[in-house]
Amino acid sequence: MKTSCFSLYRGEGRISIARYAPRNTPAGYRTYQKLAPGNWFNSVSTSRYIELFQSEILAKLNPEHVWNELHVITGGVEPVLLCWEKPGEFCHRQLVARWFRRELGIAVEEYDPHTTPQLDMF
């Protein structure tokens, strides 16, 4: 599993974990709303966002169940969790990646187009 942003990754296994996808996002992605931030997502500080995401979203989920569901919905293709922010910007996908590492001992890295080729579906 990897993480990325809508504007960078357009290959197979795309799963939106955002509240909604950007306009003109190419078809073919799946949505997993259980990892989307709450309606507070753009109205709180970064530290408060982290607190709320951990307590209201991640704390209510079983990481092993989520991991398995994400793999099932991509049909055997490596899942790539997508949201809006570009690499290097704060984003909740980083919180999800850390959650998997902490809870399952599995590293979820950010997609790097220079080291991992993608089959662009469009």
PDB file of N, CA and C in Angstrom:
ATOM      1  N   MET A   1       0.842  -1.172   0.000  1.00  0.00           N
ATOM      2  CA  MET A   1       0.000   0.000   0.000  1.00  0.00           C
ATOM      3  C   MET A   1       0.886   1.233   0.000  1.00  0.00           C
ATOM      4  N   LYS A   2       0.397   2.264  -0.694  1.00  0.00           N
ATOM      5  CA  LYS A   2       1.098   3.544  -0.738  1.00  0.00           C
ATOM      6  C   LYS A   2       0.089   4.670  -0.506  1.00  0.00           C
ATOM      7  N   THR A   3       0.598   5.885  -0.360  1.00  0.00           N
ATOM      8  CA  THR A   3      -0.242   7.074  -0.305  1.00  0.00           C
ATOM      9  C   THR A   3       0.209   8.017  -1.410  1.00  0.00           C
ATOM     10  N   SER A   4      -0.686   8.913  -1.821  1.00  0.00           N
ATOM     11  CA  SER A   4      -0.346   9.906  -2.837  1.00  0.00           C
ATOM     12  C   SER A   4      -1.457  10.950  -2.883  1.00  0.00           C
ATOM     13  N   CYS A   5      -1.340  11.839  -3.859  1.00  0.00           N
ATOM     14  CA  CYS A   5      -2.381  12.854  -4.057  1.00  0.00           C
ATOM     15  C   CYS A   5      -3.040  12.629  -5.413  1.00  0.00           C
ATOM     16  N   PHE A   6      -4.253  13.146  -5.550  1.00  0.00           N
ATOM     17  CA  PHE A   6      -5.014  12.979  -6.784  1.00  0.00           C
ATOM     18  C   PHE A   6      -4.251  13.485  -7.999  1.00  0.00           C
ATOM     19  N   SER A   7      -3.529  14.596  -7.841  1.00  0.00           N
ATOM     20  CA  SER A   7      -2.861  15.203  -8.998  1.00  0.00           C
ATOM     21  C   SER A   7      -1.607  14.450  -9.436  1.00  0.00           C
ATOM     22  N   LEU A   8      -1.072  13.601  -8.584  1.00  0.00           N
ATOM     23  CA  LEU A   8       0.180  12.917  -8.901  1.00  0.00           C
ATOM     24  C   LEU A   8      -0.027  11.481  -9.359  1.00  0.00           C
ATOM     25  N   TYR A   9      -0.905  10.759  -8.691  1.00  0.00           N
ATOM     26  CA  TYR A   9      -1.066   9.343  -9.014  1.00  0.00           C
ATOM     27  C   TYR A   9      -2.379   9.106  -9.750  1.00  0.00           C
ATOM     28  N   ARG A  10      -2.288   8.508 -10.936  1.00  0.00           N
ATOM     29  CA  ARG A  10      -3.475   8.241 -11.742  1.00  0.00           C
ATOM     30  C   ARG A  10      -3.525   6.791 -12.222  1.00  0.00           C
ATOM     31  N   GLY A  11      -2.730   5.941 -11.586  1.00  0.00           N
ATOM     32  CA  GLY A  11      -2.659   4.542 -11.993  1.00  0.00           C
ATOM     33  C   GLY A  11      -3.704   3.673 -11.324  1.00  0.00           C
ATOM     34  N   GLU A  12      -3.437   2.389 -11.337  1.00  0.00           N
ATOM     35  CA  GLU A  12      -4.356   1.414 -10.761  1.00  0.00           C
ATOM     36  C   GLU A  12      -4.330   1.466  -9.238  1.00  0.00           C
ATOM     37  N   GLY A  13      -5.394   0.989  -8.627  1.00  0.00           N
ATOM     38  CA  GLY A  13      -5.464   0.857  -7.181  1.00  0.00           C
ATOM     39  C   GLY A  13      -5.810   2.131  -6.442  1.00  0.00           C
ATOM     40  N   ARG A  14      -6.275   3.156  -7.162  1.00  0.00           N
ATOM     41  CA  ARG A  14      -6.590   4.436  -6.524  1.00  0.00           C
ATOM     42  C   ARG A  14      -7.794   4.309  -5.588  1.00  0.00           C
ATOM     43  N   ILE A  15      -7.613   4.803  -4.352  1.00  0.00           N
ATOM     44  CA  ILE A  15      -8.695   4.857  -3.380  1.00  0.00           C
ATOM     45  C   ILE A  15      -8.711   6.245  -2.771  1.00  0.00           C
ATOM     46  N   SER A  16      -9.827   6.947  -2.932  1.00  0.00           N
ATOM     47  CA  SER A  16      -9.974   8.261  -2.308  1.00  0.00           C
ATOM     48  C   SER A  16     -10.293   8.082  -0.830  1.00  0.00           C
ATOM     49  N   ILE A  17      -9.515   8.752   0.026  1.00  0.00           N
ATOM     50  CA  ILE A  17      -9.844   8.808   1.446  1.00  0.00           C
ATOM     51  C   ILE A  17     -10.169  10.254   1.827  1.00  0.00           C
ATOM     52  N   ALA A  18     -10.452  11.059   0.820  1.00  0.00           N
ATOM     53  CA  ALA A  18     -10.846  12.452   1.019  1.00  0.00           C
ATOM     54  C   ALA A  18     -12.361  12.524   1.198  1.00  0.00           C
ATOM     55  N   ARG A  19     -12.841  13.651   1.631  1.00  0.00           N
ATOM     56  CA  ARG A  19     -14.288  13.838   1.750  1.00  0.00           C
ATOM     57  C   ARG A  19     -14.935  13.784   0.367  1.00  0.00           C
ATOM     58  N   TYR A  20     -14.203  14.254  -0.637  1.00  0.00           N
ATOM     59  CA  TYR A  20     -14.657  14.179  -2.027  1.00  0.00           C
ATOM     60  C   TYR A  20     -13.438  14.351  -2.921  1.00  0.00           C
ATOM     61  N   ALA A  21     -13.551  13.871  -4.137  1.00  0.00           N
ATOM     62  CA  ALA A  21     -12.442  13.971  -5.092  1.00  0.00           C
ATOM     63  C   ALA A  21     -12.493  15.305  -5.825  1.00  0.00           C
ATOM     64  N   PRO A  22     -11.361  15.787  -6.299  1.00  0.00           N
ATOM     65  CA  PRO A  22     -11.361  17.024  -7.087  1.00  0.00           C
ATOM     66  C   PRO A  22     -12.179  16.866  -8.371  1.00  0.00           C
ATOM     67  N   ARG A  23     -12.717  17.973  -8.828  1.00  0.00           N
ATOM     68  CA  ARG A  23     -13.402  17.956 -10.123  1.00  0.00           C
ATOM     69  C   ARG A  23     -12.468  17.426 -11.196  1.00  0.00           C
ATOM     70  N   ASN A  24     -13.011  16.746 -12.149  1.00  0.00           N
ATOM     71  CA  ASN A  24     -12.268  16.198 -13.286  1.00  0.00           C
ATOM     72  C   ASN A  24     -11.283  15.090 -12.911  1.00  0.00           C
ATOM     73  N   THR A  25     -11.468  14.476 -11.741  1.00  0.00           N
ATOM     74  CA  THR A  25     -10.646  13.318 -11.405  1.00  0.00           C
ATOM     75  C   THR A  25     -11.042  12.193 -12.347  1.00  0.00           C
ATOM     76  N   PRO A  26     -10.091  11.583 -13.028  1.00  0.00           N
ATOM     77  CA  PRO A  26     -10.432  10.490 -13.952  1.00  0.00           C
ATOM     78  C   PRO A  26     -11.169   9.359 -13.239  1.00  0.00           C
ATOM     79  N   ALA A  27     -12.098   8.770 -13.919  1.00  0.00           N
ATOM     80  CA  ALA A  27     -12.861   7.649 -13.373  1.00  0.00           C
ATOM     81  C   ALA A  27     -11.928   6.485 -13.062  1.00  0.00           C
ATOM     82  N   GLY A  28     -12.424   5.545 -12.287  1.00  0.00           N
ATOM     83  CA  GLY A  28     -11.662   4.341 -12.005  1.00  0.00           C
ATOM     84  C   GLY A  28     -11.144   4.261 -10.587  1.00  0.00           C
ATOM     85  N   TYR A  29     -11.352   5.308  -9.788  1.00  0.00           N
ATOM     86  CA  TYR A  29     -10.917   5.252  -8.399  1.00  0.00           C
ATOM     87  C   TYR A  29     -12.066   4.738  -7.534  1.00  0.00           C
ATOM     88  N   ARG A  30     -11.719   4.202  -6.382  1.00  0.00           N
ATOM     89  CA  ARG A  30     -12.696   3.776  -5.393  1.00  0.00           C
ATOM     90  C   ARG A  30     -12.714   4.817  -4.273  1.00  0.00           C
ATOM     91  N   THR A  31     -13.731   4.755  -3.450  1.00  0.00           N
ATOM     92  CA  THR A  31     -13.849   5.668  -2.317  1.00  0.00           C
ATOM     93  C   THR A  31     -13.933   4.860  -1.031  1.00  0.00           C
ATOM     94  N   TYR A  32     -13.227   5.319  -0.011  1.00  0.00           N
ATOM     95  CA  TYR A  32     -13.269   4.689   1.302  1.00  0.00           C
ATOM     96  C   TYR A  32     -13.513   5.787   2.327  1.00  0.00           C
ATOM     97  N   GLN A  33     -14.780   6.075   2.559  1.00  0.00           N
ATOM     98  CA  GLN A  33     -15.167   7.193   3.418  1.00  0.00           C
ATOM     99  C   GLN A  33     -14.805   7.006   4.886  1.00  0.00           C
ATOM    100  N   LYS A  34     -14.568   5.781   5.318  1.00  0.00           N
ATOM    101  CA  LYS A  34     -14.235   5.543   6.730  1.00  0.00           C
ATOM    102  C   LYS A  34     -12.957   6.272   7.131  1.00  0.00           C
ATOM    103  N   LEU A  35     -12.073   6.582   6.168  1.00  0.00           N
ATOM    104  CA  LEU A  35     -10.822   7.285   6.469  1.00  0.00           C
ATOM    105  C   LEU A  35     -10.865   8.758   6.079  1.00  0.00           C
ATOM    106  N   ALA A  36     -12.028   9.248   5.691  1.00  0.00           N
ATOM    107  CA  ALA A  36     -12.163  10.668   5.352  1.00  0.00           C
ATOM    108  C   ALA A  36     -12.257  11.488   6.642  1.00  0.00           C
ATOM    109  N   PRO A  37     -11.706  12.695   6.639  1.00  0.00           N
ATOM    110  CA  PRO A  37     -11.798  13.540   7.840  1.00  0.00           C
ATOM    111  C   PRO A  37     -13.228  14.013   8.072  1.00  0.00           C
ATOM    112  N   GLY A  38     -13.490  14.469   9.291  1.00  0.00           N
ATOM    113  CA  GLY A  38     -14.801  14.993   9.644  1.00  0.00           C
ATOM    114  C   GLY A  38     -15.055  16.360   9.029  1.00  0.00           C
ATOM    115  N   ASN A  39     -16.231  16.902   9.288  1.00  0.00           N
ATOM    116  CA  ASN A  39     -16.587  18.198   8.695  1.00  0.00           C
ATOM    117  C   ASN A  39     -15.764  19.350   9.263  1.00  0.00           C
ATOM    118  N   TRP A  40     -14.949  19.108  10.240  1.00  0.00           N
ATOM    119  CA  TRP A  40     -14.046  20.097  10.823  1.00  0.00           C
ATOM    120  C   TRP A  40     -12.746  20.228  10.023  1.00  0.00           C
ATOM    121  N   PHE A  41     -12.595  19.455   8.956  1.00  0.00           N
ATOM    122  CA  PHE A  41     -11.306  19.289   8.277  1.00  0.00           C
ATOM    123  C   PHE A  41     -10.634  20.591   7.851  1.00  0.00           C
ATOM    124  N   ASN A  42     -11.375  21.617   7.518  1.00  0.00           N
ATOM    125  CA  ASN A  42     -10.719  22.855   7.070  1.00  0.00           C
ATOM    126  C   ASN A  42     -10.963  24.034   8.003  1.00  0.00           C
ATOM    127  N   SER A  43     -11.353  23.739   9.250  1.00  0.00           N
ATOM    128  CA  SER A  43     -11.680  24.833  10.163  1.00  0.00           C
ATOM    129  C   SER A  43     -10.927  24.778  11.489  1.00  0.00           C
ATOM    130  N   VAL A  44      -9.933  23.892  11.597  1.00  0.00           N
ATOM    131  CA  VAL A  44      -9.191  23.766  12.850  1.00  0.00           C
ATOM    132  C   VAL A  44      -7.688  23.818  12.571  1.00  0.00           C
ATOM    133  N   SER A  45      -6.927  24.050  13.631  1.00  0.00           N
ATOM    134  CA  SER A  45      -5.461  24.057  13.503  1.00  0.00           C
ATOM    135  C   SER A  45      -4.962  22.643  13.192  1.00  0.00           C
ATOM    136  N   THR A  46      -3.728  22.554  12.750  1.00  0.00           N
ATOM    137  CA  THR A  46      -3.149  21.252  12.448  1.00  0.00           C
ATOM    138  C   THR A  46      -3.138  20.351  13.679  1.00  0.00           C
ATOM    139  N   SER A  47      -2.762  20.895  14.827  1.00  0.00           N
ATOM    140  CA  SER A  47      -2.718  20.064  16.030  1.00  0.00           C
ATOM    141  C   SER A  47      -4.110  19.571  16.426  1.00  0.00           C
ATOM    142  N   ARG A  48      -5.104  20.437  16.292  1.00  0.00           N
ATOM    143  CA  ARG A  48      -6.484  20.027  16.603  1.00  0.00           C
ATOM    144  C   ARG A  48      -6.971  19.014  15.568  1.00  0.00           C
ATOM    145  N   TYR A  49      -6.607  19.201  14.324  1.00  0.00           N
ATOM    146  CA  TYR A  49      -6.969  18.264  13.253  1.00  0.00           C
ATOM    147  C   TYR A  49      -6.450  16.865  13.604  1.00  0.00           C
ATOM    148  N   ILE A  50      -5.190  16.790  14.000  1.00  0.00           N
ATOM    149  CA  ILE A  50      -4.583  15.501  14.361  1.00  0.00           C
ATOM    150  C   ILE A  50      -5.349  14.862  15.513  1.00  0.00           C
ATOM    151  N   GLU A  51      -5.646  15.647  16.547  1.00  0.00           N
ATOM    152  CA  GLU A  51      -6.407  15.134  17.690  1.00  0.00           C
ATOM    153  C   GLU A  51      -7.766  14.590  17.251  1.00  0.00           C
ATOM    154  N   LEU A  52      -8.487  15.375  16.464  1.00  0.00           N
ATOM    155  CA  LEU A  52      -9.820  14.968  16.025  1.00  0.00           C
ATOM    156  C   LEU A  52      -9.773  13.761  15.099  1.00  0.00           C
ATOM    157  N   PHE A  53      -8.818  13.738  14.207  1.00  0.00           N
ATOM    158  CA  PHE A  53      -8.719  12.611  13.280  1.00  0.00           C
ATOM    159  C   PHE A  53      -8.429  11.327  14.048  1.00  0.00           C
ATOM    160  N   GLN A  54      -7.534  11.416  15.017  1.00  0.00           N
ATOM    161  CA  GLN A  54      -7.202  10.222  15.789  1.00  0.00           C
ATOM    162  C   GLN A  54      -8.369   9.771  16.666  1.00  0.00           C
ATOM    163  N   SER A  55      -9.048  10.713  17.319  1.00  0.00           N
ATOM    164  CA  SER A  55     -10.119  10.330  18.249  1.00  0.00           C
ATOM    165  C   SER A  55     -11.444  10.029  17.563  1.00  0.00           C
ATOM    166  N   GLU A  56     -11.773  10.760  16.510  1.00  0.00           N
ATOM    167  CA  GLU A  56     -13.075  10.583  15.870  1.00  0.00           C
ATOM    168  C   GLU A  56     -13.064   9.617  14.693  1.00  0.00           C
ATOM    169  N   ILE A  57     -11.912   9.408  14.100  1.00  0.00           N
ATOM    170  CA  ILE A  57     -11.842   8.539  12.920  1.00  0.00           C
ATOM    171  C   ILE A  57     -11.072   7.260  13.252  1.00  0.00           C
ATOM    172  N   LEU A  58      -9.779   7.373  13.487  1.00  0.00           N
ATOM    173  CA  LEU A  58      -8.938   6.186  13.647  1.00  0.00           C
ATOM    174  C   LEU A  58      -9.280   5.356  14.882  1.00  0.00           C
ATOM    175  N   ALA A  59      -9.590   6.000  15.989  1.00  0.00           N
ATOM    176  CA  ALA A  59      -9.871   5.258  17.227  1.00  0.00           C
ATOM    177  C   ALA A  59     -11.108   4.372  17.112  1.00  0.00           C
ATOM    178  N   LYS A  60     -11.976   4.666  16.172  1.00  0.00           N
ATOM    179  CA  LYS A  60     -13.214   3.901  15.998  1.00  0.00           C
ATOM    180  C   LYS A  60     -13.069   2.760  14.993  1.00  0.00           C
ATOM    181  N   LEU A  61     -11.887   2.632  14.401  1.00  0.00           N
ATOM    182  CA  LEU A  61     -11.671   1.634  13.359  1.00  0.00           C
ATOM    183  C   LEU A  61     -10.716   0.541  13.816  1.00  0.00           C
ATOM    184  N   ASN A  62     -10.885  -0.626  13.240  1.00  0.00           N
ATOM    185  CA  ASN A  62      -9.975  -1.737  13.464  1.00  0.00           C
ATOM    186  C   ASN A  62      -8.953  -1.706  12.320  1.00  0.00           C
ATOM    187  N   PRO A  63      -7.673  -1.452  12.618  1.00  0.00           N
ATOM    188  CA  PRO A  63      -6.690  -1.288  11.539  1.00  0.00           C
ATOM    189  C   PRO A  63      -6.543  -2.520  10.651  1.00  0.00           C
ATOM    190  N   GLU A  64      -6.609  -3.701  11.216  1.00  0.00           N
ATOM    191  CA  GLU A  64      -6.486  -4.913  10.407  1.00  0.00           C
ATOM    192  C   GLU A  64      -7.682  -5.050   9.463  1.00  0.00           C
ATOM    193  N   HIS A  65      -8.866  -4.745   9.962  1.00  0.00           N
ATOM    194  CA  HIS A  65     -10.072  -4.810   9.127  1.00  0.00           C
ATOM    195  C   HIS A  65      -9.993  -3.785   7.994  1.00  0.00           C
ATOM    196  N   VAL A  66      -9.557  -2.565   8.323  1.00  0.00           N
ATOM    197  CA  VAL A  66      -9.420  -1.514   7.306  1.00  0.00           C
ATOM    198  C   VAL A  66      -8.399  -1.938   6.251  1.00  0.00           C
ATOM    199  N   TRP A  67      -7.246  -2.430   6.692  1.00  0.00           N
ATOM    200  CA  TRP A  67      -6.196  -2.892   5.777  1.00  0.00           C
ATOM    201  C   TRP A  67      -6.764  -3.914   4.800  1.00  0.00           C
ATOM    202  N   ASN A  68      -7.478  -4.894   5.333  1.00  0.00           N
ATOM    203  CA  ASN A  68      -8.052  -5.947   4.500  1.00  0.00           C
ATOM    204  C   ASN A  68      -9.100  -5.399   3.537  1.00  0.00           C
ATOM    205  N   GLU A  69      -9.970  -4.525   4.017  1.00  0.00           N
ATOM    206  CA  GLU A  69     -10.996  -3.942   3.137  1.00  0.00           C
ATOM    207  C   GLU A  69     -10.378  -3.164   1.987  1.00  0.00           C
ATOM    208  N   LEU A  70      -9.344  -2.407   2.261  1.00  0.00           N
ATOM    209  CA  LEU A  70      -8.688  -1.624   1.217  1.00  0.00           C
ATOM    210  C   LEU A  70      -8.092  -2.527   0.141  1.00  0.00           C
ATOM    211  N   HIS A  71      -7.548  -3.656   0.544  1.00  0.00           N
ATOM    212  CA  HIS A  71      -6.996  -4.594  -0.429  1.00  0.00           C
ATOM    213  C   HIS A  71      -8.087  -5.310  -1.218  1.00  0.00           C
ATOM    214  N   VAL A  72      -9.193  -5.590  -0.583  1.00  0.00           N
ATOM    215  CA  VAL A  72     -10.304  -6.249  -1.282  1.00  0.00           C
ATOM    216  C   VAL A  72     -10.895  -5.327  -2.343  1.00  0.00           C
ATOM    217  N   ILE A  73     -11.090  -4.053  -2.004  1.00  0.00           N
ATOM    218  CA  ILE A  73     -11.770  -3.170  -2.974  1.00  0.00           C
ATOM    219  C   ILE A  73     -10.907  -2.833  -4.185  1.00  0.00           C
ATOM    220  N   THR A  74      -9.611  -3.074  -4.104  1.00  0.00           N
ATOM    221  CA  THR A  74      -8.775  -2.850  -5.297  1.00  0.00           C
ATOM    222  C   THR A  74      -8.599  -4.117  -6.120  1.00  0.00           C
ATOM    223  N   GLY A  75      -9.199  -5.190  -5.688  1.00  0.00           N
ATOM    224  CA  GLY A  75      -9.191  -6.411  -6.481  1.00  0.00           C
ATOM    225  C   GLY A  75      -7.823  -7.012  -6.715  1.00  0.00           C
ATOM    226  N   GLY A  76      -6.960  -6.958  -5.713  1.00  0.00           N
ATOM    227  CA  GLY A  76      -5.640  -7.576  -5.850  1.00  0.00           C
ATOM    228  C   GLY A  76      -4.547  -6.636  -6.316  1.00  0.00           C
ATOM    229  N   VAL A  77      -4.908  -5.426  -6.689  1.00  0.00           N
ATOM    230  CA  VAL A  77      -3.920  -4.413  -7.083  1.00  0.00           C
ATOM    231  C   VAL A  77      -3.497  -3.661  -5.819  1.00  0.00           C
ATOM    232  N   GLU A  78      -2.249  -3.235  -5.755  1.00  0.00           N
ATOM    233  CA  GLU A  78      -1.789  -2.486  -4.588  1.00  0.00           C
ATOM    234  C   GLU A  78      -2.632  -1.227  -4.392  1.00  0.00           C
ATOM    235  N   PRO A  79      -3.227  -1.040  -3.205  1.00  0.00           N
ATOM    236  CA  PRO A  79      -3.991   0.187  -2.941  1.00  0.00           C
ATOM    237  C   PRO A  79      -3.068   1.405  -2.843  1.00  0.00           C
ATOM    238  N   VAL A  80      -3.542   2.515  -3.390  1.00  0.00           N
ATOM    239  CA  VAL A  80      -2.855   3.799  -3.256  1.00  0.00           C
ATOM    240  C   VAL A  80      -3.888   4.778  -2.713  1.00  0.00           C
ATOM    241  N   LEU A  81      -3.706   5.196  -1.454  1.00  0.00           N
ATOM    242  CA  LEU A  81      -4.656   6.065  -0.771  1.00  0.00           C
ATOM    243  C   LEU A  81      -4.430   7.504  -1.203  1.00  0.00           C
ATOM    244  N   LEU A  82      -5.483   8.144  -1.689  1.00  0.00           N
ATOM    245  CA  LEU A  82      -5.368   9.481  -2.260  1.00  0.00           C
ATOM    246  C   LEU A  82      -6.148  10.530  -1.482  1.00  0.00           C
ATOM    247  N   CYS A  83      -5.565  11.711  -1.419  1.00  0.00           N
ATOM    248  CA  CYS A  83      -6.279  12.906  -0.984  1.00  0.00           C
ATOM    249  C   CYS A  83      -5.683  14.096  -1.738  1.00  0.00           C
ATOM    250  N   TRP A  84      -5.990  15.275  -1.336  1.00  0.00           N
ATOM    251  CA  TRP A  84      -5.700  16.476  -2.121  1.00  0.00           C
ATOM    252  C   TRP A  84      -4.264  16.996  -2.029  1.00  0.00           C
ATOM    253  N   GLU A  85      -3.691  16.977  -0.840  1.00  0.00           N
ATOM    254  CA  GLU A  85      -2.432  17.681  -0.607  1.00  0.00           C
ATOM    255  C   GLU A  85      -1.254  17.027  -1.319  1.00  0.00           C
ATOM    256  N   LYS A  86      -0.387  17.877  -1.815  1.00  0.00           N
ATOM    257  CA  LYS A  86       0.811  17.406  -2.520  1.00  0.00           C
ATOM    258  C   LYS A  86       1.828  16.862  -1.509  1.00  0.00           C
ATOM    259  N   PRO A  87       2.738  15.990  -1.943  1.00  0.00           N
ATOM    260  CA  PRO A  87       3.769  15.472  -1.040  1.00  0.00           C
ATOM    261  C   PRO A  87       4.524  16.610  -0.360  1.00  0.00           C
ATOM    262  N   GLY A  88       4.791  16.435   0.920  1.00  0.00           N
ATOM    263  CA  GLY A  88       5.487  17.452   1.704  1.00  0.00           C
ATOM    264  C   GLY A  88       4.551  18.364   2.468  1.00  0.00           C
ATOM    265  N   GLU A  89       3.276  18.431   2.075  1.00  0.00           N
ATOM    266  CA  GLU A  89       2.279  19.220   2.796  1.00  0.00           C
ATOM    267  C   GLU A  89       1.621  18.330   3.845  1.00  0.00           C
ATOM    268  N   PHE A  90       1.153  18.941   4.930  1.00  0.00           N
ATOM    269  CA  PHE A  90       0.446  18.152   5.931  1.00  0.00           C
ATOM    270  C   PHE A  90      -0.812  17.559   5.306  1.00  0.00           C
ATOM    271  N   CYS A  91      -1.060  16.298   5.625  1.00  0.00           N
ATOM    272  CA  CYS A  91      -2.232  15.626   5.080  1.00  0.00           C
ATOM    273  C   CYS A  91      -2.622  14.452   5.962  1.00  0.00           C
ATOM    274  N   HIS A  92      -3.902  14.153   6.006  1.00  0.00           N
ATOM    275  CA  HIS A  92      -4.352  13.050   6.848  1.00  0.00           C
ATOM    276  C   HIS A  92      -3.894  11.691   6.347  1.00  0.00           C
ATOM    277  N   ARG A  93      -3.484  11.580   5.096  1.00  0.00           N
ATOM    278  CA  ARG A  93      -2.983  10.285   4.629  1.00  0.00           C
ATOM    279  C   ARG A  93      -1.709   9.909   5.375  1.00  0.00           C
ATOM    280  N   GLN A  94      -0.942  10.922   5.823  1.00  0.00           N
ATOM    281  CA  GLN A  94       0.242  10.662   6.644  1.00  0.00           C
ATOM    282  C   GLN A  94      -0.167  10.066   7.990  1.00  0.00           C
ATOM    283  N   LEU A  95      -1.277  10.546   8.529  1.00  0.00           N
ATOM    284  CA  LEU A  95      -1.779  10.019   9.798  1.00  0.00           C
ATOM    285  C   LEU A  95      -2.222   8.571   9.638  1.00  0.00           C
ATOM    286  N   VAL A  96      -2.843   8.269   8.517  1.00  0.00           N
ATOM    287  CA  VAL A  96      -3.270   6.902   8.231  1.00  0.00           C
ATOM    288  C   VAL A  96      -2.046   5.991   8.090  1.00  0.00           C
ATOM    289  N   ALA A  97      -1.034   6.461   7.371  1.00  0.00           N
ATOM    290  CA  ALA A  97       0.188   5.667   7.188  1.00  0.00           C
ATOM    291  C   ALA A  97       0.852   5.389   8.541  1.00  0.00           C
ATOM    292  N   ARG A  98       0.941   6.396   9.403  1.00  0.00           N
ATOM    293  CA  ARG A  98       1.534   6.202  10.734  1.00  0.00           C
ATOM    294  C   ARG A  98       0.707   5.240  11.578  1.00  0.00           C
ATOM    295  N   TRP A  99      -0.613   5.321  11.429  1.00  0.00           N
ATOM    296  CA  TRP A  99      -1.532   4.433  12.150  1.00  0.00           C
ATOM    297  C   TRP A  99      -1.267   2.980  11.759  1.00  0.00           C
ATOM    298  N   PHE A 100      -1.140   2.698  10.478  1.00  0.00           N
ATOM    299  CA  PHE A 100      -0.844   1.335  10.042  1.00  0.00           C
ATOM    300  C   PHE A 100       0.507   0.867  10.586  1.00  0.00           C
ATOM    301  N   ARG A 101       1.490   1.747  10.578  1.00  0.00           N
ATOM    302  CA  ARG A 101       2.818   1.373  11.092  1.00  0.00           C
ATOM    303  C   ARG A 101       2.744   1.074  12.593  1.00  0.00           C
ATOM    304  N   ARG A 102       2.090   1.947  13.335  1.00  0.00           N
ATOM    305  CA  ARG A 102       1.986   1.792  14.790  1.00  0.00           C
ATOM    306  C   ARG A 102       1.157   0.559  15.166  1.00  0.00           C
ATOM    307  N   GLU A 103       0.023   0.377  14.514  1.00  0.00           N
ATOM    308  CA  GLU A 103      -0.913  -0.677  14.904  1.00  0.00           C
ATOM    309  C   GLU A 103      -0.610  -2.039  14.286  1.00  0.00           C
ATOM    310  N   LEU A 104      -0.098  -2.050  13.073  1.00  0.00           N
ATOM    311  CA  LEU A 104       0.128  -3.313  12.366  1.00  0.00           C
ATOM    312  C   LEU A 104       1.601  -3.595  12.076  1.00  0.00           C
ATOM    313  N   GLY A 105       2.463  -2.603  12.302  1.00  0.00           N
ATOM    314  CA  GLY A 105       3.879  -2.786  11.992  1.00  0.00           C
ATOM    315  C   GLY A 105       4.163  -2.795  10.505  1.00  0.00           C
ATOM    316  N   ILE A 106       3.266  -2.187   9.724  1.00  0.00           N
ATOM    317  CA  ILE A 106       3.404  -2.168   8.265  1.00  0.00           C
ATOM    318  C   ILE A 106       3.711  -0.743   7.802  1.00  0.00           C
ATOM    319  N   ALA A 107       4.784  -0.597   7.047  1.00  0.00           N
ATOM    320  CA  ALA A 107       5.156   0.713   6.513  1.00  0.00           C
ATOM    321  C   ALA A 107       4.340   1.007   5.259  1.00  0.00           C
ATOM    322  N   VAL A 108       3.714   2.162   5.251  1.00  0.00           N
ATOM    323  CA  VAL A 108       2.983   2.643   4.074  1.00  0.00           C
ATOM    324  C   VAL A 108       3.710   3.896   3.620  1.00  0.00           C
ATOM    325  N   GLU A 109       4.370   3.797   2.481  1.00  0.00           N
ATOM    326  CA  GLU A 109       5.202   4.886   1.983  1.00  0.00           C
ATOM    327  C   GLU A 109       4.432   5.774   1.013  1.00  0.00           C
ATOM    328  N   GLU A 110       4.915   6.986   0.859  1.00  0.00           N
ATOM    329  CA  GLU A 110       4.368   7.911  -0.139  1.00  0.00           C
ATOM    330  C   GLU A 110       4.850   7.468  -1.526  1.00  0.00           C
ATOM    331  N   TYR A 111       3.944   7.453  -2.475  1.00  0.00           N
ATOM    332  CA  TYR A 111       4.276   7.098  -3.851  1.00  0.00           C
ATOM    333  C   TYR A 111       5.340   8.056  -4.390  1.00  0.00           C
ATOM    334  N   ASP A 112       6.371   7.510  -4.998  1.00  0.00           N
ATOM    335  CA  ASP A 112       7.432   8.302  -5.619  1.00  0.00           C
ATOM    336  C   ASP A 112       7.470   7.944  -7.101  1.00  0.00           C
ATOM    337  N   PRO A 113       7.042   8.858  -7.984  1.00  0.00           N
ATOM    338  CA  PRO A 113       6.990   8.533  -9.403  1.00  0.00           C
ATOM    339  C   PRO A 113       8.358   8.245 -10.015  1.00  0.00           C
ATOM    340  N   HIS A 114       9.433   8.638  -9.327  1.00  0.00           N
ATOM    341  CA  HIS A 114      10.780   8.402  -9.864  1.00  0.00           C
ATOM    342  C   HIS A 114      11.285   6.989  -9.585  1.00  0.00           C
ATOM    343  N   THR A 115      10.714   6.334  -8.567  1.00  0.00           N
ATOM    344  CA  THR A 115      11.195   4.998  -8.213  1.00  0.00           C
ATOM    345  C   THR A 115      10.168   3.901  -8.492  1.00  0.00           C
ATOM    346  N   THR A 116       8.899   4.271  -8.593  1.00  0.00           N
ATOM    347  CA  THR A 116       7.850   3.280  -8.816  1.00  0.00           C
ATOM    348  C   THR A 116       7.048   3.683 -10.050  1.00  0.00           C
ATOM    349  N   PRO A 117       7.172   2.952 -11.127  1.00  0.00           N
ATOM    350  CA  PRO A 117       6.387   3.303 -12.304  1.00  0.00           C
ATOM    351  C   PRO A 117       4.902   3.050 -12.071  1.00  0.00           C
ATOM    352  N   GLN A 118       4.069   3.784 -12.754  1.00  0.00           N
ATOM    353  CA  GLN A 118       2.632   3.548 -12.690  1.00  0.00           C
ATOM    354  C   GLN A 118       2.104   3.311 -14.082  1.00  0.00           C
ATOM    355  N   LEU A 119       1.142   2.485 -14.164  1.00  0.00           N
ATOM    356  CA  LEU A 119       0.458   2.286 -15.430  1.00  0.00           C
ATOM    357  C   LEU A 119      -0.673   3.288 -15.465  1.00  0.00           C
ATOM    358  N   ASP A 120      -0.464   4.391 -16.162  1.00  0.00           N
ATOM    359  CA  ASP A 120      -1.487   5.427 -16.252  1.00  0.00           C
ATOM    360  C   ASP A 120      -2.665   4.865 -17.033  1.00  0.00           C
ATOM    361  N   MET A 121      -3.805   4.914 -16.426  1.00  0.00           N
ATOM    362  CA  MET A 121      -4.996   4.323 -17.026  1.00  0.00           C
ATOM    363  C   MET A 121      -5.660   5.265 -18.021  1.00  0.00           C
ATOM    364  N   PHE A 122      -5.110   6.484 -18.171  1.00  0.00           N
ATOM    365  CA  PHE A 122      -5.775   7.482 -19.014  1.00  0.00           C
ATOM    366  C   PHE A 122      -4.828   8.161 -19.957  1.00  0.00           C
TER     367      PHE A 122
END
